Each structure stands twice: as C-alpha cells, then as structure tokens.
Amino acid sequence: MNPSPHKARTGRERFTVALHWITHRRRVALAHLLRGACYGVGTGVIGLAFVWMERLI
C-alpha cells in the first residue's frame, strides 16, 4: 500500500518531471556561476590594483 496521497507516475510522467527539475536547477546553477565569475573578476582587479600601487610606492 502506498502511503502517499499521489498516484504513481508513469515512465513518461517521470521523465517530464525530471526534465523540468533539471531545467530549473540549470538556470539556478548558471546564475551562481555568473555570480561567482563576477566576484572572481572583481577580486582579481582589486588585487592587481593593490600590487600596482605597492610597486609605485
């Protein structure tokens, strides 16, 4: 007996739900990747600016 109130999914329904889940997570992962790249570029620019300033002093 299935304790879940939902009926069991067929193979096609499972595939559709999994595809939707993967598509949603891909967008989130790409957003995090872009955010991390922006943080990395910003950190690199600030680091290079400090190295350049130290060489001038």
Protein backbone atom coordinates (compact mmCIF):
# COMPACT_ATOMS: atom_id res chain seq x y z
CA MET A 1 0.00 0.00 0.00
CA ASN A 2 1.31 3.42 -0.99
CA PRO A 3 1.14 5.91 1.94
CA SER A 4 1.47 8.84 -0.48
CA PRO A 5 -1.76 10.59 -1.49
CA HIS A 6 -0.46 10.90 -5.07
CA LYS A 7 -0.82 8.17 -7.66
CA ALA A 8 2.30 6.54 -9.05
CA ARG A 9 3.79 8.24 -12.11
CA THR A 10 4.28 6.51 -15.43
CA GLY A 11 7.64 6.48 -17.18
CA ARG A 12 6.72 9.43 -19.40
CA GLU A 13 5.49 11.49 -16.45
CA ARG A 14 8.68 10.75 -14.52
CA PHE A 15 10.75 11.88 -17.49
CA THR A 16 8.76 15.10 -17.84
CA VAL A 17 9.03 15.92 -14.14
CA ALA A 18 12.77 15.13 -14.10
CA LEU A 19 13.36 17.28 -17.19
CA HIS A 20 11.50 20.19 -15.59
CA TRP A 21 13.54 19.79 -12.37
CA ILE A 22 16.85 19.70 -14.29
CA THR A 23 15.87 22.73 -16.37
CA HIS A 24 15.03 24.72 -13.25
CA ARG A 25 18.26 23.72 -11.49
CA ARG A 26 20.34 24.52 -14.58
CA ARG A 27 19.14 28.13 -14.50
CA VAL A 28 19.99 28.40 -10.82
CA ALA A 29 23.42 26.84 -11.36
CA LEU A 30 24.20 29.21 -14.24
CA ALA A 31 23.15 32.19 -12.12
CA HIS A 32 25.50 31.07 -9.35
CA LEU A 33 28.29 30.50 -11.87
CA LEU A 34 27.88 34.01 -13.27
CA ARG A 35 27.80 35.50 -9.78
CA GLY A 36 30.98 33.63 -8.84
CA ALA A 37 32.72 34.76 -12.02
CA CYS A 38 31.82 38.38 -11.27
CA TYR A 39 33.17 38.06 -7.72
CA GLY A 40 36.34 36.48 -9.08
CA VAL A 41 36.92 39.23 -11.65
CA GLY A 42 36.30 41.91 -9.04
CA THR A 43 38.70 40.30 -6.59
CA GLY A 44 41.35 39.96 -9.29
CA VAL A 45 41.04 43.61 -10.33
CA ILE A 46 41.32 44.82 -6.73
CA GLY A 47 44.31 42.54 -6.14
CA LEU A 48 46.10 43.79 -9.24
CA ALA A 49 45.36 47.40 -8.25
CA PHE A 50 46.98 46.84 -4.85
CA VAL A 51 50.04 45.16 -6.42
CA TRP A 52 50.38 48.06 -8.85
CA MET A 53 50.06 50.61 -6.03
CA GLU A 54 52.67 48.79 -3.92
CA ARG A 55 55.14 48.85 -6.80
CA LEU A 56 54.66 52.61 -7.20
CA ILE A 57 55.37 53.29 -3.53
